[in-house]
Amino acid sequence: MLTLVSPAKSLDLDSRPTTRRSTLPRYLDQSERLIEVMRGKSIAELRGLMGISEELAVLNAERYRDFSTPFTPRNARPAALTFNGAVYQGMEPRTFDARDWTEAGKTLRILSGLYGILRPLDLIQPYRLEMGVKVANNRGTDLYSFWKPRLTRSVAEDLADSPGAKVIVNLASAEYSAAVDLDGLSRLFEEGNRSVPELGAKVISPRFEDRDQSGRWKVISFSAKRARGLMAGWLVRERARSARAVTRFDLGGYRYAPEASTGAVPVFRNLG
C-alpha cells in the first residue's frame, strides 16, 4: 500500500531533525533542470507565475540561486521534517520512531513541483514551486508535462515494492494528484491488465467532512488538510496494509461514514 500527500508552502528550516537518517531524491538531476529554468526568471516574472508578493519572489529567486548539489545533511533537510503546513502538523512526523521511519520510507510519498516525488527522509533544500505553476520547459508548457509520465511510473514501481495490498491512498490535493495518472492506474487494476501488472492499483481518495454553520456536511479546507495529515501519520503508525484497514481511522473526531462512502471515496465525518 502506498500513500500520496502534497508538500507545504510553510517550511521549518530551524528545528533540529529528530533522526540522523536521510536519503536522496531520486530525480535530483531533473530538479536541477527546473532550477536552471527558474533562475532565468525575473522577479516580476516570478510574481506573475506564482501569484506572490515581491518579497516572496525575491526570497525564492535567492533560493533558486543558492540551490547546489550534492545534497548533504549540512546543506539540506529531510522533506517530512521540513514541510510544516496543516498536513504535516496533523501527521506529526517528529514523533516517528525508527520503525515508523522505516515504514514511512516504504509506504509514504510526497509529490513536489520541484523534486517530483519524495520519500519522507529525502533531503531537500528550501524552495517554492507549486505543481500547478505554468512553467514552460523542454517537455511542455507546465510541470505536469514535465513530471507526469515519470511520476506515474515511479508510483507504480513504489507500489509494487510496498507491503500489503496494491492500494494507493490518495491524500494529495487535486493540484498534486493530477501529476500522477491515477485514473489510468485504477483502470488497469479494474480491467485486470496482466501485460503491465506493476501498474495495476486500486486507488482510494478519502474525503473528510465537517458540519458547516447550517449543519450540513462539507469539506472545510483547513480541517480537511489536517485530517489528511492525521490519516497519513496513522497509516504509518498502524502499519495499514489494505483499503479495509483505512476505514478504521478514528483520529481528530473523524469516523468512517459508510452511508456516504463509495469504494473509491471513503468518507470520514467529524463527530466531535
Protein backbone atom coordinates (compact mmCIF):
# COMPACT_ATOMS: atom_id res chain seq x y z
CA MET A 1 0.00 0.00 0.00
CA LEU A 2 1.23 3.48 -0.87
CA THR A 3 0.04 6.85 0.47
CA LEU A 4 0.40 10.09 -1.50
CA VAL A 5 0.43 13.54 0.11
CA SER A 6 1.10 17.10 -1.02
CA PRO A 7 4.04 19.24 0.10
CA ALA A 8 3.54 22.51 2.01
CA LYS A 9 4.41 26.14 1.34
CA SER A 10 5.31 26.66 5.01
CA LEU A 11 8.78 25.35 5.82
CA ASP A 12 10.58 24.55 9.07
CA LEU A 13 14.22 25.39 8.45
CA ASP A 14 15.33 25.79 12.07
CA SER A 15 14.29 22.88 14.29
CA ARG A 16 16.74 20.07 14.83
CA PRO A 17 15.87 16.88 12.87
CA THR A 18 14.67 14.06 15.11
CA THR A 19 16.55 11.42 13.15
CA ARG A 20 20.01 11.22 11.63
CA ARG A 21 18.77 9.07 8.78
CA SER A 22 18.39 10.57 5.33
CA THR A 23 18.06 9.61 1.67
CA LEU A 24 18.47 11.48 -1.60
CA PRO A 25 15.71 12.48 -4.02
CA ARG A 26 15.70 10.10 -6.94
CA TYR A 27 15.13 12.84 -9.55
CA LEU A 28 17.62 15.42 -8.35
CA ASP A 29 19.06 15.73 -11.85
CA GLN A 30 15.61 16.70 -13.10
CA SER A 31 15.24 19.20 -10.26
CA GLU A 32 18.46 20.85 -11.41
CA ARG A 33 16.94 21.31 -14.88
CA LEU A 34 13.95 23.09 -13.37
CA ILE A 35 16.19 25.22 -11.18
CA GLU A 36 18.00 26.44 -14.28
CA VAL A 37 14.66 27.39 -15.82
CA MET A 38 13.59 29.25 -12.68
CA ARG A 39 16.94 31.05 -12.38
CA GLY A 40 16.18 32.62 -15.74
CA LYS A 41 13.00 34.29 -14.44
CA SER A 42 12.95 37.92 -13.33
CA ILE A 43 11.39 38.99 -10.04
CA ALA A 44 8.39 40.31 -11.96
CA GLU A 45 8.03 37.01 -13.82
CA LEU A 46 8.16 35.04 -10.56
CA ARG A 47 5.48 37.27 -9.06
CA GLY A 48 3.23 36.73 -12.06
CA LEU A 49 3.83 32.99 -12.36
CA MET A 50 3.26 32.17 -8.71
CA GLY A 51 0.93 34.96 -7.65
CA ILE A 52 3.18 36.01 -4.77
CA SER A 53 4.43 39.27 -3.29
CA GLU A 54 7.67 40.90 -4.37
CA GLU A 55 9.21 39.94 -1.03
CA LEU A 56 8.43 36.27 -1.59
CA ALA A 57 9.60 36.49 -5.21
CA VAL A 58 12.96 37.90 -4.07
CA LEU A 59 13.28 35.20 -1.39
CA ASN A 60 12.64 32.40 -3.85
CA ALA A 61 14.92 33.89 -6.51
CA GLU A 62 17.63 33.70 -3.83
CA ARG A 63 16.69 30.08 -3.10
CA TYR A 64 16.97 29.15 -6.78
CA ARG A 65 20.33 30.92 -6.93
CA ASP A 66 21.62 29.16 -3.80
CA PHE A 67 20.44 25.66 -4.79
CA SER A 68 23.50 23.45 -5.01
CA THR A 69 24.44 19.80 -5.13
CA PRO A 70 25.46 17.40 -3.76
CA PHE A 71 22.85 17.38 -1.01
CA THR A 72 24.12 16.52 2.46
CA PRO A 73 22.63 16.83 5.96
CA ARG A 74 24.68 20.02 6.26
CA ASN A 75 23.00 21.87 3.39
CA ALA A 76 19.60 20.12 3.19
CA ARG A 77 16.89 18.69 5.48
CA PRO A 78 14.59 15.63 5.39
CA ALA A 79 11.41 16.51 3.49
CA ALA A 80 8.90 15.33 6.11
CA LEU A 81 10.69 17.40 8.78
CA THR A 82 10.89 20.49 6.56
CA PHE A 83 7.35 20.85 5.23
CA ASN A 84 5.31 22.45 8.00
CA GLY A 85 1.75 23.08 6.80
CA ALA A 86 -1.52 21.68 8.15
CA VAL A 87 -0.93 18.22 6.66
CA TYR A 88 2.40 17.86 8.45
CA GLN A 89 1.04 19.30 11.69
CA GLY A 90 -1.55 16.53 11.58
CA MET A 91 0.97 13.87 10.56
CA GLU A 92 3.45 14.78 13.32
CA PRO A 93 6.48 13.08 11.73
CA ARG A 94 8.68 14.45 14.51
CA THR A 95 7.10 11.79 16.75
CA PHE A 96 8.03 8.91 14.41
CA ASP A 97 10.36 6.32 15.93
CA ALA A 98 12.95 4.35 13.96
CA ARG A 99 10.46 1.68 12.88
CA ASP A 100 7.96 4.34 11.83
CA TRP A 101 10.57 5.98 9.60
CA THR A 102 11.31 2.61 8.00
CA GLU A 103 7.60 2.09 7.35
CA ALA A 104 7.18 5.62 6.01
CA GLY A 105 10.07 5.07 3.63
CA LYS A 106 8.19 2.12 2.14
CA THR A 107 4.65 3.47 2.12
CA LEU A 108 4.56 7.30 2.12
CA ARG A 109 5.35 9.57 -0.84
CA ILE A 110 5.28 13.37 -1.12
CA LEU A 111 4.54 14.88 -4.53
CA SER A 112 6.53 18.02 -5.36
CA GLY A 113 6.71 20.56 -8.15
CA LEU A 114 10.50 20.79 -7.90
CA TYR A 115 11.51 17.30 -6.76
CA GLY A 116 8.78 15.26 -8.44
CA ILE A 117 8.29 12.63 -5.78
CA LEU A 118 9.95 12.36 -2.38
CA ARG A 119 10.37 9.76 0.29
CA PRO A 120 9.92 11.22 3.79
CA LEU A 121 13.65 11.27 4.56
CA ASP A 122 14.79 12.55 1.18
CA LEU A 123 16.90 15.66 1.68
CA ILE A 124 15.58 18.89 0.22
CA GLN A 125 16.70 22.50 0.08
CA PRO A 126 14.12 25.27 0.62
CA TYR A 127 12.04 26.15 -2.40
CA ARG A 128 8.67 27.27 -3.65
CA LEU A 129 7.40 25.79 -6.90
CA GLU A 130 3.85 24.55 -6.86
CA MET A 131 2.83 21.81 -9.27
CA GLY A 132 0.17 23.97 -10.90
CA VAL A 133 2.58 26.75 -11.90
CA LYS A 134 2.72 27.06 -15.70
CA VAL A 135 6.48 26.87 -16.20
CA ALA A 136 7.41 26.21 -19.82
CA ASN A 137 10.14 23.57 -20.10
CA ASN A 138 11.71 21.21 -22.61
CA ARG A 139 8.79 18.77 -22.22
CA GLY A 140 5.85 21.13 -22.47
CA THR A 141 4.10 24.19 -21.13
CA ASP A 142 3.76 23.22 -17.47
CA LEU A 143 5.08 20.98 -14.69
CA TYR A 144 2.50 18.29 -15.39
CA SER A 145 4.04 17.71 -18.81
CA PHE A 146 7.48 17.67 -17.17
CA TRP A 147 6.62 15.18 -14.42
CA LYS A 148 3.51 13.10 -15.16
CA PRO A 149 4.90 10.09 -17.12
CA ARG A 150 7.86 9.81 -14.78
CA LEU A 151 5.80 10.11 -11.59
CA THR A 152 3.17 7.65 -12.77
CA ARG A 153 5.84 5.05 -13.38
CA SER A 154 7.57 5.86 -10.10
CA VAL A 155 4.34 5.47 -8.11
CA ALA A 156 3.65 2.16 -9.84
CA GLU A 157 7.13 0.86 -9.06
CA ASP A 158 6.99 2.01 -5.43
CA LEU A 159 3.58 0.41 -5.02
CA ALA A 160 4.90 -2.86 -6.40
CA ASP A 161 7.67 -2.79 -3.78
CA SER A 162 5.45 -1.67 -0.87
CA PRO A 163 3.96 -4.08 1.71
CA GLY A 164 0.32 -5.13 1.67
CA ALA A 165 -2.38 -4.83 -0.98
CA LYS A 166 -1.86 -2.89 -4.20
CA VAL A 167 -3.77 0.14 -2.95
CA ILE A 168 -2.95 3.81 -3.44
CA VAL A 169 -4.35 6.05 -0.70
CA ASN A 170 -4.58 9.43 -2.37
CA LEU A 171 -4.36 12.10 0.33
CA ALA A 172 -2.84 14.68 -2.02
CA SER A 173 -4.71 17.75 -3.21
CA ALA A 174 -6.23 17.82 -6.70
CA GLU A 175 -3.35 20.05 -7.85
CA TYR A 176 -0.75 17.46 -6.91
CA SER A 177 -2.59 14.20 -7.52
CA ALA A 178 -3.13 15.36 -11.13
CA ALA A 179 0.63 14.89 -11.62
CA VAL A 180 0.08 11.10 -11.48
CA ASP A 181 -2.19 9.19 -13.86
CA LEU A 182 -4.25 7.70 -11.04
CA ASP A 183 -7.22 7.06 -13.32
CA GLY A 184 -5.01 5.04 -15.62
CA LEU A 185 -3.57 3.03 -12.75
CA SER A 186 -7.05 2.36 -11.40
CA ARG A 187 -8.40 1.34 -14.82
CA LEU A 188 -5.61 -1.16 -15.29
CA PHE A 189 -6.44 -2.62 -11.89
CA GLU A 190 -10.16 -2.90 -12.64
CA GLU A 191 -9.58 -4.43 -16.08
CA GLY A 192 -7.04 -6.91 -14.74
CA ASN A 193 -4.44 -5.93 -17.33
CA ARG A 194 -1.74 -8.56 -16.97
CA SER A 195 0.63 -7.13 -19.57
CA VAL A 196 1.73 -4.45 -17.12
CA PRO A 197 0.91 -5.97 -13.70
CA GLU A 198 3.11 -3.50 -11.85
CA LEU A 199 0.72 -0.72 -12.91
CA GLY A 200 -2.46 -2.29 -11.54
CA ALA A 201 -3.65 -0.38 -8.47
CA LYS A 202 -6.82 0.22 -6.54
CA VAL A 203 -6.99 3.97 -5.88
CA ILE A 204 -8.96 5.38 -2.96
CA SER A 205 -9.29 9.08 -2.17
CA PRO A 206 -10.56 9.64 1.39
CA ARG A 207 -12.86 12.62 1.90
CA PHE A 208 -13.07 14.46 5.24
CA GLU A 209 -16.23 16.33 6.14
CA ASP A 210 -17.22 18.68 8.94
CA ARG A 211 -20.55 20.36 9.61
CA ASP A 212 -20.85 23.91 8.34
CA GLN A 213 -22.76 26.67 10.12
CA SER A 214 -26.04 25.43 8.72
CA GLY A 215 -25.34 21.89 9.93
CA ARG A 216 -24.62 20.40 6.52
CA TRP A 217 -21.68 18.09 5.92
CA LYS A 218 -18.99 19.62 3.73
CA VAL A 219 -15.25 19.68 3.17
CA ILE A 220 -13.69 22.56 5.11
CA SER A 221 -10.27 23.17 3.58
CA PHE A 222 -8.02 23.68 6.61
CA SER A 223 -9.72 20.95 8.63
CA ALA A 224 -9.51 18.53 5.71
CA LYS A 225 -5.79 19.23 5.22
CA ARG A 226 -5.06 18.48 8.84
CA ALA A 227 -7.23 15.35 8.67
CA ARG A 228 -5.25 14.12 5.66
CA GLY A 229 -2.11 14.50 7.74
CA LEU A 230 -3.68 12.71 10.69
CA MET A 231 -4.56 9.80 8.42
CA ALA A 232 -1.13 9.73 6.74
CA GLY A 233 0.60 9.52 10.11
CA TRP A 234 -1.93 6.97 11.39
CA LEU A 235 -1.39 4.72 8.36
CA VAL A 236 2.34 4.70 9.07
CA ARG A 237 2.00 4.02 12.79
CA GLU A 238 -0.69 1.37 12.33
CA ARG A 239 1.19 -0.40 9.51
CA ALA A 240 -2.02 -0.36 7.47
CA ARG A 241 -1.98 -2.84 4.62
CA SER A 242 -5.43 -2.71 2.93
CA ALA A 243 -8.31 -0.49 1.89
CA ARG A 244 -10.42 -2.05 4.63
CA ALA A 245 -7.82 -1.03 7.22
CA VAL A 246 -8.18 2.59 6.13
CA THR A 247 -11.83 2.63 7.25
CA ARG A 248 -10.69 2.04 10.84
CA PHE A 249 -9.15 5.53 11.00
CA ASP A 250 -10.59 7.36 14.02
CA LEU A 251 -8.45 10.37 14.96
CA GLY A 252 -9.41 14.02 15.43
CA GLY A 253 -13.07 13.15 15.88
CA TYR A 254 -13.37 11.66 12.37
CA ARG A 255 -15.17 8.36 11.85
CA TYR A 256 -15.88 6.35 8.74
CA ALA A 257 -19.34 7.08 7.33
CA PRO A 258 -20.31 4.02 5.23
CA GLU A 259 -23.67 5.53 4.25
CA ALA A 260 -21.90 8.40 2.45
CA SER A 261 -18.98 6.41 1.04
CA THR A 262 -18.11 4.59 -2.14
CA GLY A 263 -15.31 2.12 -2.72
CA ALA A 264 -13.18 4.81 -4.36
CA VAL A 265 -14.11 7.63 -1.96
CA PRO A 266 -14.43 6.58 1.68
CA VAL A 267 -15.96 9.45 3.64
CA PHE A 268 -14.95 10.35 7.19
CA ARG A 269 -17.10 12.73 9.20
CA ASN A 270 -16.08 14.70 12.26
CA LEU A 271 -18.42 13.55 15.01
CA GLY A 272 -16.55 15.58 17.66
